[in-house]
């Protein structure tokens, strides 16, 4: 109430949007596995996905061929979309993102169904995620990855220790053993008279 009202000169001056603005949905096609989870969870049924299966040859001789889904069509009808963000939240592979882009009005409502090429163009307008709080806890995915790496390192260290111990035992078994009291040296010195048996050395 104490400030003067200022009219923003749009479209000459672009507005400053919040970082998490829900303008439009961008598609990162490389991450999409055609799991159909976003289309099933959409309350408006405004996501259309088509795909086909391809056979991937075995990587090694004697291996088994595998099949994978290939994306043919990914379209969103923004005339039905209510921008709830459920599709972005349920995507398990981070293939959908919010973009602050909002200038995609059309004169015909049928032109508001945008295909994957257009959704991919909007992907490059997605802002970078904000920096994490230095005092915040590490993400659970990072903690789990560290635990797995530490466990693997411990197993490798145990295996190396056992291998070293086995090598030492093998080397010890290869060395010949000597009887107790055998110094390995033989002398030709005469036995002193005090140590000679009775009846020997006397005329």
N, C-alpha and C. Protein backbone atom coordinates (compact mmCIF):
# COMPACT_ATOMS: atom_id res chain seq x y z
N UNK A 1 0.83 -1.21 0.00
CA UNK A 1 0.00 0.00 0.00
C UNK A 1 0.86 1.26 0.00
N UNK A 2 2.09 1.17 0.46
CA UNK A 2 2.95 2.35 0.51
C UNK A 2 3.78 2.52 -0.75
N UNK A 3 3.65 1.57 -1.71
CA UNK A 3 4.42 1.66 -2.94
C UNK A 3 3.51 2.00 -4.11
N UNK A 4 4.09 2.60 -5.08
CA UNK A 4 3.33 2.98 -6.27
C UNK A 4 3.11 1.75 -7.15
N UNK A 5 1.94 1.66 -7.73
CA UNK A 5 1.63 0.55 -8.62
C UNK A 5 2.39 0.70 -9.93
N UNK A 6 3.05 -0.38 -10.34
CA UNK A 6 3.84 -0.38 -11.57
C UNK A 6 3.29 -1.45 -12.49
N UNK A 7 3.00 -1.09 -13.71
CA UNK A 7 2.52 -2.04 -14.70
C UNK A 7 3.70 -2.61 -15.47
N UNK A 8 3.80 -3.94 -15.47
CA UNK A 8 4.88 -4.58 -16.22
C UNK A 8 4.58 -4.52 -17.71
N UNK A 9 5.55 -4.11 -18.48
CA UNK A 9 5.37 -3.92 -19.92
C UNK A 9 5.62 -5.23 -20.65
N UNK A 10 4.68 -6.16 -20.46
CA UNK A 10 4.76 -7.43 -21.18
C UNK A 10 4.09 -7.25 -22.54
N UNK A 11 4.61 -7.79 -23.62
CA UNK A 11 5.71 -8.76 -23.74
C UNK A 11 7.08 -8.12 -23.95
N UNK A 12 7.17 -6.80 -23.97
CA UNK A 12 8.49 -6.20 -24.13
C UNK A 12 9.41 -6.56 -22.96
N UNK A 13 8.90 -6.60 -21.76
CA UNK A 13 9.67 -6.97 -20.58
C UNK A 13 9.13 -8.29 -20.05
N UNK A 14 9.99 -9.30 -20.00
CA UNK A 14 9.58 -10.61 -19.52
C UNK A 14 9.46 -10.61 -17.99
N UNK A 15 8.46 -11.29 -17.46
CA UNK A 15 8.30 -11.31 -15.99
C UNK A 15 9.36 -12.20 -15.35
N UNK A 16 9.66 -11.91 -14.10
CA UNK A 16 10.56 -12.74 -13.31
C UNK A 16 9.73 -13.81 -12.60
N UNK A 17 9.86 -15.04 -13.09
CA UNK A 17 9.05 -16.14 -12.57
C UNK A 17 9.76 -16.84 -11.42
N UNK A 18 9.01 -17.41 -10.50
CA UNK A 18 9.63 -18.19 -9.42
C UNK A 18 10.36 -19.41 -9.98
N UNK A 19 11.36 -19.91 -9.25
CA UNK A 19 12.13 -21.04 -9.78
C UNK A 19 11.29 -22.28 -10.06
N UNK A 20 10.23 -22.50 -9.31
CA UNK A 20 9.42 -23.71 -9.47
C UNK A 20 8.10 -23.41 -10.18
N UNK A 21 8.14 -22.51 -11.13
CA UNK A 21 6.93 -22.18 -11.88
C UNK A 21 6.46 -23.38 -12.69
N UNK A 22 5.16 -23.58 -12.74
CA UNK A 22 4.58 -24.67 -13.53
C UNK A 22 4.09 -24.09 -14.85
N UNK A 23 5.03 -23.95 -15.78
CA UNK A 23 4.65 -23.39 -17.06
C UNK A 23 4.24 -24.45 -18.05
N UNK A 24 5.15 -25.38 -18.33
CA UNK A 24 4.87 -26.44 -19.29
C UNK A 24 5.75 -27.63 -18.90
N UNK A 25 5.45 -28.80 -19.44
CA UNK A 25 6.17 -30.02 -19.10
C UNK A 25 7.15 -30.35 -20.21
N UNK A 26 8.41 -30.52 -19.84
CA UNK A 26 9.44 -30.91 -20.79
C UNK A 26 9.76 -32.39 -20.68
N UNK A 27 10.13 -32.99 -21.80
CA UNK A 27 10.41 -34.43 -21.87
C UNK A 27 11.89 -34.66 -22.16
N UNK A 28 12.54 -35.43 -21.29
CA UNK A 28 13.91 -35.89 -21.54
C UNK A 28 13.80 -37.32 -22.07
N UNK A 29 13.75 -37.42 -23.39
CA UNK A 29 13.38 -38.67 -24.04
C UNK A 29 14.33 -39.81 -23.72
N UNK A 30 15.63 -39.53 -23.53
CA UNK A 30 16.60 -40.59 -23.28
C UNK A 30 16.30 -41.35 -22.00
N UNK A 31 15.64 -40.71 -21.03
CA UNK A 31 15.35 -41.38 -19.76
C UNK A 31 14.04 -42.14 -19.78
N UNK A 32 13.23 -41.96 -20.80
CA UNK A 32 11.91 -42.59 -20.84
C UNK A 32 12.06 -44.07 -21.20
N UNK A 33 11.47 -44.94 -20.39
CA UNK A 33 11.48 -46.39 -20.63
C UNK A 33 10.12 -46.91 -21.06
N UNK A 34 9.19 -46.03 -21.35
CA UNK A 34 7.83 -46.39 -21.79
C UNK A 34 7.17 -47.30 -20.75
N UNK A 35 7.32 -46.94 -19.49
CA UNK A 35 6.68 -47.71 -18.43
C UNK A 35 5.19 -47.40 -18.31
N UNK A 36 4.75 -46.31 -18.94
CA UNK A 36 3.33 -45.90 -18.98
C UNK A 36 2.80 -45.45 -17.61
N UNK A 37 3.67 -45.28 -16.64
CA UNK A 37 3.20 -44.90 -15.31
C UNK A 37 2.60 -43.50 -15.31
N UNK A 38 3.21 -42.57 -16.04
CA UNK A 38 2.68 -41.20 -16.08
C UNK A 38 1.30 -41.17 -16.72
N UNK A 39 1.10 -41.94 -17.80
CA UNK A 39 -0.19 -41.94 -18.48
C UNK A 39 -1.27 -42.59 -17.61
N UNK A 40 -0.91 -43.62 -16.85
CA UNK A 40 -1.90 -44.29 -16.00
C UNK A 40 -2.30 -43.43 -14.81
N UNK A 41 -1.35 -42.65 -14.28
CA UNK A 41 -1.64 -41.85 -13.09
C UNK A 41 -2.25 -40.49 -13.42
N UNK A 42 -2.24 -40.09 -14.68
CA UNK A 42 -2.78 -38.78 -15.04
C UNK A 42 -4.29 -38.73 -14.80
N UNK A 43 -4.78 -37.82 -13.97
CA UNK A 43 -6.22 -37.77 -13.70
C UNK A 43 -7.04 -37.29 -14.88
N UNK A 44 -6.42 -36.59 -15.83
CA UNK A 44 -7.16 -36.07 -16.98
C UNK A 44 -6.98 -36.92 -18.23
N UNK A 45 -6.13 -37.92 -18.17
CA UNK A 45 -5.84 -38.77 -19.32
C UNK A 45 -5.43 -37.93 -20.53
N UNK A 46 -4.50 -37.02 -20.29
CA UNK A 46 -4.08 -36.13 -21.37
C UNK A 46 -2.71 -36.50 -21.93
N UNK A 47 -2.14 -37.63 -21.50
CA UNK A 47 -0.84 -38.08 -21.99
C UNK A 47 -1.05 -39.27 -22.92
N UNK A 48 -0.49 -39.18 -24.11
CA UNK A 48 -0.66 -40.25 -25.11
C UNK A 48 0.73 -40.81 -25.45
N UNK A 49 0.87 -42.13 -25.28
CA UNK A 49 2.15 -42.80 -25.50
C UNK A 49 1.94 -43.99 -26.42
N UNK A 50 2.78 -44.10 -27.43
CA UNK A 50 2.81 -45.26 -28.32
C UNK A 50 4.24 -45.78 -28.35
N UNK A 51 4.37 -47.10 -28.44
CA UNK A 51 5.70 -47.71 -28.47
C UNK A 51 5.63 -49.05 -29.18
N UNK A 52 6.79 -49.61 -29.44
CA UNK A 52 6.90 -50.96 -29.99
C UNK A 52 8.11 -51.64 -29.37
N UNK A 53 8.17 -52.95 -29.52
CA UNK A 53 9.26 -53.72 -28.94
C UNK A 53 10.29 -54.05 -30.02
N UNK A 54 11.56 -53.99 -29.61
CA UNK A 54 12.66 -54.37 -30.48
C UNK A 54 13.50 -55.42 -29.78
N UNK A 55 14.06 -56.33 -30.58
CA UNK A 55 14.91 -57.38 -30.04
C UNK A 55 16.36 -56.91 -30.05
N UNK A 56 16.99 -57.02 -28.91
CA UNK A 56 18.39 -56.63 -28.77
C UNK A 56 19.23 -57.90 -28.79
N UNK A 57 20.17 -58.04 -29.74
CA UNK A 57 20.99 -59.25 -29.80
C UNK A 57 21.81 -59.43 -28.53
N UNK A 58 22.17 -60.68 -28.24
CA UNK A 58 22.96 -60.98 -27.06
C UNK A 58 24.34 -60.34 -27.16
N UNK A 59 24.82 -59.84 -26.05
CA UNK A 59 26.12 -59.17 -26.04
C UNK A 59 27.28 -60.15 -26.14
N UNK A 60 27.08 -61.37 -25.62
CA UNK A 60 28.14 -62.37 -25.63
C UNK A 60 27.67 -63.61 -26.38
N UNK A 61 28.57 -64.36 -26.97
CA UNK A 61 28.16 -65.60 -27.66
C UNK A 61 27.49 -66.57 -26.68
N UNK A 62 26.41 -67.15 -27.14
CA UNK A 62 25.67 -68.07 -26.28
C UNK A 62 24.68 -67.40 -25.36
N UNK A 63 24.64 -66.07 -25.37
CA UNK A 63 23.70 -65.34 -24.52
C UNK A 63 22.29 -65.34 -25.09
N UNK A 64 21.39 -64.77 -24.34
CA UNK A 64 19.99 -64.74 -24.74
C UNK A 64 19.63 -63.36 -25.25
N UNK A 65 18.89 -63.32 -26.36
CA UNK A 65 18.41 -62.05 -26.90
C UNK A 65 17.39 -61.44 -25.94
N UNK A 66 17.39 -60.13 -25.88
CA UNK A 66 16.47 -59.41 -25.00
C UNK A 66 15.61 -58.46 -25.83
N UNK A 67 14.48 -58.08 -25.26
CA UNK A 67 13.58 -57.14 -25.92
C UNK A 67 13.48 -55.87 -25.09
N UNK A 68 13.31 -54.73 -25.77
CA UNK A 68 13.19 -53.45 -25.08
C UNK A 68 12.12 -52.62 -25.76
N UNK A 69 11.51 -51.73 -25.02
CA UNK A 69 10.48 -50.84 -25.54
C UNK A 69 11.12 -49.63 -26.21
N UNK A 70 10.60 -49.28 -27.36
CA UNK A 70 11.08 -48.12 -28.11
C UNK A 70 9.93 -47.12 -28.21
N UNK A 71 10.20 -45.87 -27.83
CA UNK A 71 9.17 -44.84 -27.82
C UNK A 71 8.87 -44.38 -29.24
N UNK A 72 7.61 -44.43 -29.63
CA UNK A 72 7.17 -43.94 -30.93
C UNK A 72 6.49 -42.58 -30.83
N UNK A 73 5.69 -42.41 -29.80
CA UNK A 73 4.97 -41.14 -29.63
C UNK A 73 4.81 -40.83 -28.15
N UNK A 74 5.06 -39.57 -27.82
CA UNK A 74 4.79 -39.06 -26.48
C UNK A 74 4.19 -37.67 -26.67
N UNK A 75 2.93 -37.53 -26.36
CA UNK A 75 2.23 -36.26 -26.56
C UNK A 75 1.43 -35.91 -25.31
N UNK A 76 1.29 -34.61 -25.08
CA UNK A 76 0.50 -34.10 -23.96
C UNK A 76 -0.50 -33.09 -24.51
N UNK A 77 -1.76 -33.27 -24.16
CA UNK A 77 -2.82 -32.34 -24.56
C UNK A 77 -2.96 -31.30 -23.45
N UNK A 78 -2.38 -30.11 -23.67
CA UNK A 78 -2.40 -29.07 -22.65
C UNK A 78 -3.74 -28.36 -22.55
N UNK A 79 -4.66 -28.68 -23.44
CA UNK A 79 -6.01 -28.16 -23.26
C UNK A 79 -6.76 -28.94 -22.18
N UNK A 80 -6.29 -30.14 -21.84
CA UNK A 80 -6.88 -30.94 -20.77
C UNK A 80 -6.04 -30.93 -19.50
N UNK A 81 -4.75 -30.68 -19.65
CA UNK A 81 -3.84 -30.74 -18.50
C UNK A 81 -4.24 -29.70 -17.46
N UNK A 82 -4.26 -30.14 -16.18
CA UNK A 82 -4.57 -29.21 -15.09
C UNK A 82 -3.33 -28.89 -14.27
N UNK A 83 -2.14 -29.25 -14.78
CA UNK A 83 -0.87 -28.85 -14.19
C UNK A 83 -0.76 -29.30 -12.73
N UNK A 84 -1.19 -30.51 -12.47
CA UNK A 84 -1.11 -31.04 -11.10
C UNK A 84 0.29 -31.55 -10.78
N UNK A 85 1.05 -31.93 -11.81
CA UNK A 85 2.40 -32.41 -11.60
C UNK A 85 2.51 -33.86 -11.17
N UNK A 86 1.41 -34.61 -11.21
CA UNK A 86 1.47 -36.01 -10.78
C UNK A 86 2.38 -36.82 -11.71
N UNK A 87 2.31 -36.54 -13.00
CA UNK A 87 3.13 -37.31 -13.95
C UNK A 87 4.62 -37.11 -13.67
N UNK A 88 5.00 -35.90 -13.27
CA UNK A 88 6.41 -35.63 -12.98
C UNK A 88 6.83 -36.32 -11.68
N UNK A 89 5.93 -36.34 -10.71
CA UNK A 89 6.27 -36.94 -9.42
C UNK A 89 6.38 -38.45 -9.50
N UNK A 90 5.54 -39.10 -10.30
CA UNK A 90 5.53 -40.56 -10.33
C UNK A 90 6.53 -41.13 -11.31
N UNK A 91 7.13 -40.31 -12.18
CA UNK A 91 8.09 -40.83 -13.15
C UNK A 91 9.31 -41.39 -12.41
N UNK A 92 9.58 -42.69 -12.50
CA UNK A 92 10.69 -43.27 -11.74
C UNK A 92 12.06 -43.04 -12.36
N UNK A 93 12.11 -42.50 -13.58
CA UNK A 93 13.38 -42.37 -14.29
C UNK A 93 13.72 -40.92 -14.64
N UNK A 94 13.02 -39.96 -14.04
CA UNK A 94 13.31 -38.53 -14.24
C UNK A 94 13.30 -38.18 -15.73
N UNK A 95 12.19 -38.47 -16.38
CA UNK A 95 12.04 -38.13 -17.80
C UNK A 95 11.17 -36.90 -18.02
N UNK A 96 10.46 -36.43 -17.00
CA UNK A 96 9.56 -35.29 -17.13
C UNK A 96 9.98 -34.21 -16.12
N UNK A 97 9.94 -32.95 -16.57
CA UNK A 97 10.37 -31.83 -15.75
C UNK A 97 9.46 -30.63 -15.99
N UNK A 98 9.37 -29.77 -14.98
CA UNK A 98 8.65 -28.51 -15.13
C UNK A 98 9.55 -27.47 -15.78
N UNK A 99 9.00 -26.78 -16.75
CA UNK A 99 9.67 -25.66 -17.40
C UNK A 99 8.88 -24.39 -17.14
N UNK A 100 9.56 -23.26 -16.89
CA UNK A 100 8.82 -22.01 -16.68
C UNK A 100 8.24 -21.41 -17.97
N UNK A 101 8.49 -22.03 -19.11
CA UNK A 101 7.98 -21.52 -20.38
C UNK A 101 6.44 -21.52 -20.36
N UNK A 102 5.86 -20.41 -20.74
CA UNK A 102 4.40 -20.31 -20.71
C UNK A 102 3.82 -19.70 -21.99
N UNK A 103 4.66 -19.30 -22.91
CA UNK A 103 4.16 -18.65 -24.13
C UNK A 103 3.93 -19.70 -25.22
N UNK A 104 2.88 -20.46 -25.08
CA UNK A 104 2.56 -21.45 -26.11
C UNK A 104 1.05 -21.44 -26.41
N UNK A 105 0.46 -20.26 -26.35
CA UNK A 105 -0.96 -20.13 -26.67
C UNK A 105 -1.20 -20.38 -28.15
N UNK A 106 -2.37 -20.91 -28.48
CA UNK A 106 -2.74 -21.21 -29.86
C UNK A 106 -4.13 -20.66 -30.14
N UNK A 107 -4.41 -20.40 -31.38
CA UNK A 107 -5.74 -19.93 -31.77
C UNK A 107 -6.73 -21.07 -31.92
N UNK A 108 -6.20 -22.30 -32.08
CA UNK A 108 -7.06 -23.48 -32.22
C UNK A 108 -6.74 -24.43 -31.08
N UNK A 109 -7.76 -24.87 -30.37
CA UNK A 109 -7.54 -25.74 -29.22
C UNK A 109 -6.91 -27.06 -29.62
N UNK A 110 -7.11 -27.49 -30.85
CA UNK A 110 -6.52 -28.75 -31.31
C UNK A 110 -5.01 -28.66 -31.45
N UNK A 111 -4.48 -27.46 -31.51
CA UNK A 111 -3.04 -27.29 -31.63
C UNK A 111 -2.33 -27.30 -30.28
N UNK A 112 -3.07 -27.48 -29.20
CA UNK A 112 -2.46 -27.53 -27.88
C UNK A 112 -1.99 -28.93 -27.51
N UNK A 113 -2.16 -29.89 -28.40
CA UNK A 113 -1.59 -31.22 -28.20
C UNK A 113 -0.19 -31.22 -28.80
N UNK A 114 0.81 -31.22 -27.94
CA UNK A 114 2.19 -31.08 -28.38
C UNK A 114 2.89 -32.44 -28.33
N UNK A 115 3.60 -32.75 -29.41
CA UNK A 115 4.28 -34.02 -29.55
C UNK A 115 5.65 -33.96 -28.86
N UNK A 116 6.36 -35.09 -28.93
CA UNK A 116 7.60 -35.22 -28.17
C UNK A 116 8.70 -34.28 -28.68
N UNK A 117 8.67 -33.91 -29.95
CA UNK A 117 9.69 -32.99 -30.45
C UNK A 117 9.58 -31.63 -29.76
N UNK A 118 8.34 -31.15 -29.62
CA UNK A 118 8.13 -29.87 -28.94
C UNK A 118 8.44 -29.99 -27.45
N UNK A 119 8.05 -31.12 -26.85
CA UNK A 119 8.33 -31.32 -25.43
C UNK A 119 9.84 -31.38 -25.18
N UNK A 120 10.57 -31.91 -26.15
CA UNK A 120 12.03 -31.96 -25.99
C UNK A 120 12.63 -30.56 -26.09
N UNK A 121 12.10 -29.71 -26.93
CA UNK A 121 12.59 -28.33 -27.02
C UNK A 121 12.38 -27.60 -25.70
N UNK A 122 11.26 -27.85 -25.04
CA UNK A 122 11.01 -27.20 -23.76
C UNK A 122 11.93 -27.74 -22.67
N UNK A 123 12.47 -28.92 -22.87
CA UNK A 123 13.36 -29.50 -21.87
C UNK A 123 14.58 -28.61 -21.64
N UNK A 124 15.04 -27.94 -22.68
CA UNK A 124 16.24 -27.11 -22.55
C UNK A 124 15.96 -25.78 -21.86
N UNK A 125 14.70 -25.48 -21.57
CA UNK A 125 14.37 -24.28 -20.80
C UNK A 125 14.18 -24.59 -19.32
N UNK A 126 14.36 -25.86 -18.93
CA UNK A 126 14.21 -26.24 -17.52
C UNK A 126 15.38 -25.67 -16.73
N UNK A 127 15.12 -24.93 -15.65
CA UNK A 127 16.24 -24.36 -14.87
C UNK A 127 16.98 -25.43 -14.10
N UNK A 128 18.20 -25.14 -13.76
CA UNK A 128 19.00 -26.07 -12.96
C UNK A 128 18.43 -26.18 -11.56
N UNK A 129 18.55 -27.33 -10.92
CA UNK A 129 18.01 -27.47 -9.56
C UNK A 129 18.76 -26.57 -8.59
N UNK A 130 18.10 -26.09 -7.56
CA UNK A 130 18.78 -25.23 -6.58
C UNK A 130 19.84 -26.00 -5.82
N UNK A 131 20.83 -25.28 -5.34
CA UNK A 131 21.91 -25.92 -4.58
C UNK A 131 21.38 -26.45 -3.25
N UNK A 132 21.96 -27.55 -2.80
CA UNK A 132 21.54 -28.15 -1.54
C UNK A 132 22.04 -27.32 -0.37
N UNK A 133 21.29 -27.36 0.71
CA UNK A 133 21.71 -26.69 1.94
C UNK A 133 22.94 -27.41 2.48
N UNK A 134 24.02 -26.68 2.78
CA UNK A 134 25.24 -27.35 3.29
C UNK A 134 24.99 -28.17 4.55
N UNK A 135 24.01 -27.76 5.36
CA UNK A 135 23.74 -28.49 6.59
C UNK A 135 22.69 -29.58 6.44
N UNK A 136 22.18 -29.78 5.24
CA UNK A 136 21.14 -30.77 5.05
C UNK A 136 21.72 -32.18 5.01
N UNK A 137 20.89 -33.16 5.28
CA UNK A 137 21.32 -34.56 5.22
C UNK A 137 21.50 -34.98 3.76
N UNK A 138 22.38 -35.93 3.55
CA UNK A 138 22.61 -36.44 2.20
C UNK A 138 21.37 -37.18 1.71
N UNK A 139 21.11 -37.14 0.40
CA UNK A 139 19.96 -37.88 -0.14
C UNK A 139 20.10 -39.37 0.16
N UNK A 140 18.95 -40.03 0.33
CA UNK A 140 18.98 -41.45 0.69
C UNK A 140 19.61 -42.30 -0.42
N UNK A 141 19.48 -41.86 -1.68
CA UNK A 141 20.12 -42.60 -2.76
C UNK A 141 21.64 -42.56 -2.62
N UNK A 142 22.16 -41.38 -2.25
CA UNK A 142 23.61 -41.24 -2.09
C UNK A 142 24.10 -42.04 -0.89
N UNK A 143 23.32 -42.03 0.20
CA UNK A 143 23.71 -42.81 1.38
C UNK A 143 23.73 -44.30 1.06
N UNK A 144 22.71 -44.77 0.33
CA UNK A 144 22.67 -46.19 -0.04
C UNK A 144 23.82 -46.56 -0.96
N UNK A 145 24.16 -45.65 -1.89
CA UNK A 145 25.28 -45.93 -2.79
C UNK A 145 26.60 -46.00 -2.02
N UNK A 146 26.77 -45.11 -1.04
CA UNK A 146 28.00 -45.14 -0.24
C UNK A 146 28.10 -46.41 0.58
N UNK A 147 26.97 -46.85 1.17
CA UNK A 147 26.99 -48.08 1.95
C UNK A 147 27.36 -49.27 1.07
N UNK A 148 26.80 -49.31 -0.13
CA UNK A 148 27.12 -50.40 -1.04
C UNK A 148 28.59 -50.38 -1.43
N UNK A 149 29.12 -49.18 -1.71
CA UNK A 149 30.54 -49.07 -2.08
C UNK A 149 31.44 -49.48 -0.91
N UNK A 150 31.09 -49.06 0.32
CA UNK A 150 31.90 -49.44 1.48
C UNK A 150 31.86 -50.94 1.72
N UNK A 151 30.69 -51.55 1.55
CA UNK A 151 30.57 -53.00 1.73
C UNK A 151 31.39 -53.75 0.70
N UNK A 152 31.34 -53.28 -0.55
CA UNK A 152 32.13 -53.92 -1.60
C UNK A 152 33.62 -53.78 -1.34
N UNK A 153 34.05 -52.59 -0.89
CA UNK A 153 35.46 -52.39 -0.57
C UNK A 153 35.91 -53.29 0.57
N UNK A 154 35.05 -53.47 1.58
CA UNK A 154 35.39 -54.35 2.70
C UNK A 154 35.51 -55.80 2.24
N UNK A 155 34.62 -56.24 1.37
CA UNK A 155 34.70 -57.60 0.84
C UNK A 155 35.97 -57.80 0.03
N UNK A 156 36.34 -56.82 -0.77
CA UNK A 156 37.57 -56.93 -1.55
C UNK A 156 38.80 -56.97 -0.65
N UNK A 157 38.80 -56.15 0.41
CA UNK A 157 39.93 -56.15 1.34
C UNK A 157 40.03 -57.49 2.06
N UNK A 158 38.89 -58.07 2.46
CA UNK A 158 38.90 -59.38 3.10
C UNK A 158 39.43 -60.45 2.16
N UNK A 159 39.02 -60.37 0.90
CA UNK A 159 39.50 -61.36 -0.08
C UNK A 159 41.00 -61.22 -0.29
N UNK A 160 41.52 -59.99 -0.35
CA UNK A 160 42.95 -59.80 -0.51
C UNK A 160 43.73 -60.32 0.70
N UNK A 161 43.19 -60.07 1.90
CA UNK A 161 43.86 -60.54 3.11
C UNK A 161 43.90 -62.07 3.14
N UNK A 162 42.79 -62.71 2.80
CA UNK A 162 42.75 -64.17 2.77
C UNK A 162 43.71 -64.73 1.73
N UNK A 163 43.80 -64.08 0.59
CA UNK A 163 44.71 -64.54 -0.45
C UNK A 163 46.17 -64.40 -0.01
N UNK A 164 46.50 -63.29 0.65
CA UNK A 164 47.86 -63.10 1.15
C UNK A 164 48.20 -64.15 2.21
N UNK A 165 47.26 -64.44 3.12
CA UNK A 165 47.49 -65.45 4.15
C UNK A 165 47.69 -66.82 3.53
N UNK A 166 46.91 -67.14 2.51
CA UNK A 166 47.05 -68.44 1.84
C UNK A 166 48.41 -68.55 1.15
N UNK A 167 48.88 -67.46 0.55
CA UNK A 167 50.20 -67.48 -0.10
C UNK A 167 51.30 -67.70 0.93
N UNK A 168 51.19 -67.05 2.09
CA UNK A 168 52.20 -67.23 3.13
C UNK A 168 52.21 -68.67 3.63
N UNK A 169 51.06 -69.27 3.82
CA UNK A 169 51.00 -70.66 4.25
C UNK A 169 51.59 -71.58 3.20
N UNK A 170 51.34 -71.29 1.92
CA UNK A 170 51.90 -72.13 0.86
C UNK A 170 53.42 -72.04 0.82
N UNK A 171 53.97 -70.85 1.01
CA UNK A 171 55.43 -70.69 1.02
C UNK A 171 56.04 -71.39 2.23
N UNK A 172 55.36 -71.33 3.38
CA UNK A 172 55.87 -72.00 4.58
C UNK A 172 55.86 -73.52 4.41
N UNK A 173 54.85 -74.04 3.72
CA UNK A 173 54.79 -75.48 3.50
C UNK A 173 55.86 -75.96 2.54
N UNK A 174 56.32 -75.12 1.63
CA UNK A 174 57.34 -75.51 0.66
C UNK A 174 58.73 -75.58 1.30
N UNK A 175 59.01 -74.88 2.40
CA UNK A 175 60.32 -74.88 3.04
C UNK A 175 60.52 -76.18 3.81
N UNK A 176 61.74 -76.90 3.68
CA UNK A 176 61.98 -78.17 4.42
C UNK A 176 62.14 -77.90 5.92
N UNK A 177 61.66 -78.85 6.70
CA UNK A 177 61.76 -78.73 8.15
C UNK A 177 62.98 -79.49 8.66
N UNK A 178 63.62 -78.98 9.70
CA UNK A 178 64.80 -79.60 10.29
C UNK A 178 64.45 -80.15 11.67
N UNK A 179 65.10 -81.30 12.06
CA UNK A 179 64.82 -81.83 13.42
C UNK A 179 65.39 -80.90 14.48
N UNK A 180 64.78 -80.97 15.65
CA UNK A 180 65.21 -80.10 16.75
C UNK A 180 66.62 -80.47 17.17
N UNK A 181 67.46 -79.49 17.44
CA UNK A 181 68.83 -79.70 17.86
C UNK A 181 69.81 -79.80 16.73
N UNK A 182 69.34 -79.89 15.49
CA UNK A 182 70.21 -79.97 14.33
C UNK A 182 70.54 -78.56 13.89
N UNK A 183 71.78 -78.18 14.08
CA UNK A 183 72.18 -76.83 13.73
C UNK A 183 72.61 -76.71 12.30
N UNK A 184 72.69 -77.87 11.63
CA UNK A 184 73.09 -77.84 10.24
C UNK A 184 74.58 -77.78 10.06
N UNK A 185 75.37 -77.90 11.10
CA UNK A 185 76.82 -77.83 11.01
C UNK A 185 77.42 -79.11 11.62
N UNK A 186 78.39 -79.73 10.93
CA UNK A 186 79.07 -80.93 11.40
C UNK A 186 80.54 -80.58 11.65
N UNK A 187 81.08 -81.03 12.78
CA UNK A 187 82.48 -80.76 13.14
C UNK A 187 83.22 -82.07 13.31
N UNK A 188 84.56 -82.09 13.03
CA UNK A 188 85.40 -83.26 13.18
C UNK A 188 86.29 -83.18 14.42
N UNK A 189 85.94 -82.34 15.35
CA UNK A 189 86.74 -82.20 16.55
C UNK A 189 86.64 -83.45 17.42
N UNK A 190 87.74 -83.88 18.07
CA UNK A 190 87.68 -85.08 18.93
C UNK A 190 86.85 -84.85 20.17
N UNK A 191 86.31 -85.93 20.66
CA UNK A 191 85.47 -85.85 21.85
C UNK A 191 86.37 -85.75 23.06
N UNK A 192 86.13 -84.83 23.94
CA UNK A 192 86.98 -84.73 25.14
C UNK A 192 86.94 -86.02 25.95
N UNK A 193 88.06 -86.33 26.71
CA UNK A 193 88.11 -87.58 27.47
C UNK A 193 86.99 -87.71 28.47
N UNK A 194 86.58 -86.62 29.05
CA UNK A 194 85.50 -86.69 30.03
C UNK A 194 84.20 -87.13 29.42
N UNK A 195 84.09 -86.99 28.09
CA UNK A 195 82.85 -87.36 27.43
C UNK A 195 82.96 -88.70 26.71
N UNK A 196 84.17 -89.37 26.80
CA UNK A 196 84.31 -90.64 26.12
C UNK A 196 83.69 -91.75 26.96
N UNK A 197 83.15 -92.76 26.34
CA UNK A 197 82.55 -93.89 27.10
C UNK A 197 83.63 -94.66 27.85
N UNK A 198 83.19 -95.45 28.86
CA UNK A 198 84.10 -96.22 29.68
C UNK A 198 84.76 -97.33 28.88
N UNK A 199 86.06 -97.54 29.10
CA UNK A 199 86.76 -98.58 28.39
C UNK A 199 87.41 -98.11 27.12
N UNK A 200 87.22 -96.88 26.74
CA UNK A 200 87.82 -96.36 25.53
C UNK A 200 88.88 -95.35 25.91
N UNK A 201 89.98 -95.37 25.20
CA UNK A 201 91.06 -94.41 25.40
C UNK A 201 92.01 -94.80 26.53
N UNK A 202 91.85 -96.03 27.12
CA UNK A 202 92.74 -96.46 28.18
C UNK A 202 93.60 -97.63 27.70
N UNK A 203 94.95 -97.62 28.03
CA UNK A 203 95.88 -98.64 27.61
C UNK A 203 95.93 -99.81 28.55
